[in-house]
Amino acid sequence: MSTGKVLLGVLAGIAVGATLGILFAPDKGSTTRKKISEKGDEYADELGEKFNTLVDSVKEKYATVKGQATGMAGRAKAKAEETIGSDGSI
């Protein structure tokens, strides 16, 4: 199972647990709705931060792989040109 799926599952579990805890707390409805709204905002912010971190990580990995592929292509081209020779014969 990937780390992203585990992280998403943990966050979802925390959100559900917190929501159920608030719903079953002996507060007035308006207080409960305010708490739910505040927790929702907190979770949305945390999820946004984690998503941005994931996107940055993917971008870094893409740039690394792209650089490696470009380098390999350049070396392959140079080797092919070396093999063919300057007169076009193999």
C-alpha atoms as a PDB file:
ATOM      1  CA  MET A   1       0.000   0.000   0.000  1.00  0.00           C
ATOM      2  CA  SER A   2       1.436   3.394  -0.914  1.00  0.00           C
ATOM      3  CA  THR A   3       2.300   6.037   1.649  1.00  0.00           C
ATOM      4  CA  GLY A   4      -0.200   8.448   0.112  1.00  0.00           C
ATOM      5  CA  LYS A   5      -3.072   6.024   0.596  1.00  0.00           C
ATOM      6  CA  VAL A   6      -2.074   5.330   4.193  1.00  0.00           C
ATOM      7  CA  LEU A   7      -1.804   9.049   4.914  1.00  0.00           C
ATOM      8  CA  LEU A   8      -5.179   9.727   3.326  1.00  0.00           C
ATOM      9  CA  GLY A   9      -6.748   6.900   5.351  1.00  0.00           C
ATOM     10  CA  VAL A  10      -5.291   8.227   8.600  1.00  0.00           C
ATOM     11  CA  LEU A  11      -6.502  11.761   7.869  1.00  0.00           C
ATOM     12  CA  ALA A  12      -9.971  10.494   6.974  1.00  0.00           C
ATOM     13  CA  GLY A  13     -10.100   8.450  10.186  1.00  0.00           C
ATOM     14  CA  ILE A  14      -9.089  11.431  12.280  1.00  0.00           C
ATOM     15  CA  ALA A  15     -11.689  13.613  10.587  1.00  0.00           C
ATOM     16  CA  VAL A  16     -14.479  11.077  11.109  1.00  0.00           C
ATOM     17  CA  GLY A  17     -13.482  10.504  14.745  1.00  0.00           C
ATOM     18  CA  ALA A  18     -13.347  14.203  15.527  1.00  0.00           C
ATOM     19  CA  THR A  19     -16.684  14.829  13.829  1.00  0.00           C
ATOM     20  CA  LEU A  20     -18.392  11.999  15.720  1.00  0.00           C
ATOM     21  CA  GLY A  21     -16.878  13.218  18.983  1.00  0.00           C
ATOM     22  CA  ILE A  22     -18.223  16.699  18.400  1.00  0.00           C
ATOM     23  CA  LEU A  23     -21.659  15.444  17.318  1.00  0.00           C
ATOM     24  CA  PHE A  24     -22.077  13.373  20.471  1.00  0.00           C
ATOM     25  CA  ALA A  25     -20.810  16.117  22.797  1.00  0.00           C
ATOM     26  CA  PRO A  26     -23.499  17.726  25.011  1.00  0.00           C
ATOM     27  CA  ASP A  27     -23.347  21.202  23.459  1.00  0.00           C
ATOM     28  CA  LYS A  28     -25.969  23.416  21.866  1.00  0.00           C
ATOM     29  CA  GLY A  29     -26.486  22.935  18.120  1.00  0.00           C
ATOM     30  CA  SER A  30     -24.998  26.299  17.209  1.00  0.00           C
ATOM     31  CA  THR A  31     -21.871  25.569  19.249  1.00  0.00           C
ATOM     32  CA  THR A  32     -21.536  22.130  17.683  1.00  0.00           C
ATOM     33  CA  ARG A  33     -21.929  23.526  14.149  1.00  0.00           C
ATOM     34  CA  LYS A  34     -19.279  26.159  14.906  1.00  0.00           C
ATOM     35  CA  LYS A  35     -16.867  23.488  16.181  1.00  0.00           C
ATOM     36  CA  ILE A  36     -17.482  21.319  13.110  1.00  0.00           C
ATOM     37  CA  SER A  37     -16.864  24.284  10.826  1.00  0.00           C
ATOM     38  CA  GLU A  38     -13.633  25.192  12.614  1.00  0.00           C
ATOM     39  CA  LYS A  39     -12.353  21.592  12.542  1.00  0.00           C
ATOM     40  CA  GLY A  40     -13.282  21.313   8.876  1.00  0.00           C
ATOM     41  CA  ASP A  41     -11.281  24.438   8.112  1.00  0.00           C
ATOM     42  CA  GLU A  42      -8.303  23.081  10.065  1.00  0.00           C
ATOM     43  CA  TYR A  43      -8.416  19.750   8.227  1.00  0.00           C
ATOM     44  CA  ALA A  44      -8.793  21.476   4.872  1.00  0.00           C
ATOM     45  CA  ASP A  45      -5.715  23.599   5.591  1.00  0.00           C
ATOM     46  CA  GLU A  46      -3.693  20.554   6.676  1.00  0.00           C
ATOM     47  CA  LEU A  47      -4.795  18.572   3.648  1.00  0.00           C
ATOM     48  CA  GLY A  48      -3.905  21.492   1.373  1.00  0.00           C
ATOM     49  CA  GLU A  49      -0.430  21.693   2.875  1.00  0.00           C
ATOM     50  CA  LYS A  50       0.115  17.950   2.491  1.00  0.00           C
ATOM     51  CA  PHE A  51      -1.144  18.087  -1.101  1.00  0.00           C
ATOM     52  CA  ASN A  52       1.247  20.934  -1.903  1.00  0.00           C
ATOM     53  CA  THR A  53       4.108  18.956  -0.372  1.00  0.00           C
ATOM     54  CA  LEU A  54       3.157  15.949  -2.499  1.00  0.00           C
ATOM     55  CA  VAL A  55       2.975  18.078  -5.657  1.00  0.00           C
ATOM     56  CA  ASP A  56       6.394  19.603  -4.914  1.00  0.00           C
ATOM     57  CA  SER A  57       7.847  16.131  -4.387  1.00  0.00           C
ATOM     58  CA  VAL A  58       6.418  14.893  -7.680  1.00  0.00           C
ATOM     59  CA  LYS A  59       7.769  17.953  -9.497  1.00  0.00           C
ATOM     60  CA  GLU A  60      11.239  17.358  -8.068  1.00  0.00           C
ATOM     61  CA  LYS A  61      11.202  13.694  -9.065  1.00  0.00           C
ATOM     62  CA  TYR A  62       9.950  14.597 -12.559  1.00  0.00           C
ATOM     63  CA  ALA A  63      12.748  17.137 -12.991  1.00  0.00           C
ATOM     64  CA  THR A  64      15.322  14.580 -11.837  1.00  0.00           C
ATOM     65  CA  VAL A  65      14.060  11.876 -14.188  1.00  0.00           C
ATOM     66  CA  LYS A  66      13.792  14.342 -17.070  1.00  0.00           C
ATOM     67  CA  GLY A  67      17.388  15.445 -16.510  1.00  0.00           C
ATOM     68  CA  GLN A  68      18.594  11.861 -16.397  1.00  0.00           C
ATOM     69  CA  ALA A  69      16.665  10.984 -19.573  1.00  0.00           C
ATOM     70  CA  THR A  70      18.053  14.025 -21.386  1.00  0.00           C
ATOM     71  CA  GLY A  71      21.577  13.074 -20.352  1.00  0.00           C
ATOM     72  CA  MET A  72      21.100   9.484 -21.498  1.00  0.00           C
ATOM     73  CA  ALA A  73      19.676  10.630 -24.827  1.00  0.00           C
ATOM     74  CA  GLY A  74      22.641  12.949 -25.362  1.00  0.00           C
ATOM     75  CA  ARG A  75      25.127  10.182 -24.591  1.00  0.00           C
ATOM     76  CA  ALA A  76      23.283   7.762 -26.890  1.00  0.00           C
ATOM     77  CA  LYS A  77      23.296  10.305 -29.702  1.00  0.00           C
ATOM     78  CA  ALA A  78      27.015  10.938 -29.250  1.00  0.00           C
ATOM     79  CA  LYS A  79      27.727   7.203 -29.229  1.00  0.00           C
ATOM     80  CA  ALA A  80      25.635   6.713 -32.381  1.00  0.00           C
ATOM     81  CA  GLU A  81      27.442   9.533 -34.153  1.00  0.00           C
ATOM     82  CA  GLU A  82      30.767   8.068 -33.040  1.00  0.00           C
ATOM     83  CA  THR A  83      29.779   4.641 -34.337  1.00  0.00           C
ATOM     84  CA  ILE A  84      28.534   5.927 -37.676  1.00  0.00           C
ATOM     85  CA  GLY A  85      31.575   8.100 -38.165  1.00  0.00           C
ATOM     86  CA  SER A  86      31.997  11.400 -39.930  1.00  0.00           C
ATOM     87  CA  ASP A  87      31.717   9.907 -43.460  1.00  0.00           C
ATOM     88  CA  GLY A  88      28.363   8.215 -42.753  1.00  0.00           C
ATOM     89  CA  SER A  89      29.712   4.669 -42.885  1.00  0.00           C
ATOM     90  CA  ILE A  90      29.300   2.175 -40.077  1.00  0.00           C
END
